[in-house]
Amino acid sequence: MLLSFMELIARGYFDYHDLFPVYVAGGLACSLITICAISAFPIRQTLAYFKQRRGLTH
């Protein structure tokens, strides 16, 4: 969110467009971090389920 505001200020007020690659890389990094964080929970829950199930059968 802060990256978006910084881009808005740099482009709107100062008419400075040379940091575009930084904004793209930052946006991609934020998206990747979000996807990793969201996908970690179901993976942990599934592994815990299988561990619990394996413990009940042995």
Protein backbone atom coordinates (compact mmCIF):
# COMPACT_ATOMS: atom_id res chain seq x y z
CA MET A 1 0.00 0.00 0.00
CA LEU A 2 2.84 2.35 0.86
CA LEU A 3 4.47 1.52 -2.45
CA SER A 4 1.32 2.57 -4.30
CA PHE A 5 1.16 5.89 -2.46
CA MET A 6 4.83 6.53 -3.17
CA GLU A 7 4.23 5.84 -6.86
CA LEU A 8 1.23 8.14 -6.91
CA ILE A 9 3.19 10.99 -5.33
CA ALA A 10 6.26 10.51 -7.55
CA ARG A 11 4.24 10.36 -10.75
CA GLY A 12 1.55 12.86 -9.91
CA TYR A 13 3.34 15.66 -8.14
CA PHE A 14 6.87 15.35 -9.45
CA ASP A 15 6.20 13.85 -12.92
CA TYR A 16 8.99 11.34 -12.28
CA HIS A 17 8.57 8.05 -14.14
CA ASP A 18 12.06 6.53 -13.86
CA LEU A 19 11.19 4.38 -10.84
CA PHE A 20 8.65 2.31 -12.79
CA PRO A 21 10.80 -0.89 -12.67
CA VAL A 22 11.05 -0.54 -8.88
CA TYR A 23 7.27 -0.29 -8.58
CA VAL A 24 6.76 -3.33 -10.80
CA ALA A 25 9.30 -5.39 -8.85
CA GLY A 26 7.81 -4.26 -5.54
CA GLY A 27 4.30 -5.09 -6.68
CA LEU A 28 5.36 -8.55 -7.83
CA ALA A 29 7.21 -9.17 -4.57
CA CYS A 30 4.17 -8.15 -2.53
CA SER A 31 1.93 -10.41 -4.62
CA LEU A 32 4.30 -13.35 -4.25
CA ILE A 33 4.56 -12.88 -0.48
CA THR A 34 0.77 -12.71 -0.22
CA ILE A 35 0.28 -15.89 -2.24
CA CYS A 36 2.87 -17.74 -0.14
CA ALA A 37 1.27 -16.60 3.11
CA ILE A 38 -2.23 -17.56 1.99
CA SER A 39 -1.19 -20.96 0.62
CA ALA A 40 0.83 -21.92 3.73
CA PHE A 41 -2.23 -22.33 5.97
CA PRO A 42 -4.04 -25.03 3.93
CA ILE A 43 -0.78 -26.93 3.45
CA ARG A 44 -0.09 -26.93 7.20
CA GLN A 45 -3.65 -28.02 7.95
CA THR A 46 -3.47 -30.87 5.43
CA LEU A 47 -0.14 -32.09 6.81
CA ALA A 48 -1.51 -31.95 10.37
CA TYR A 49 -4.56 -33.94 9.28
CA PHE A 50 -2.43 -36.67 7.72
CA LYS A 51 -0.13 -36.75 10.76
CA GLN A 52 -3.13 -37.11 13.06
CA ARG A 53 -4.68 -39.78 10.84
CA ARG A 54 -1.41 -41.73 10.70
CA GLY A 55 -1.19 -41.58 14.50
CA LEU A 56 -4.67 -43.08 14.87
CA THR A 57 -4.00 -46.03 12.56
CA HIS A 58 -0.66 -47.11 14.08
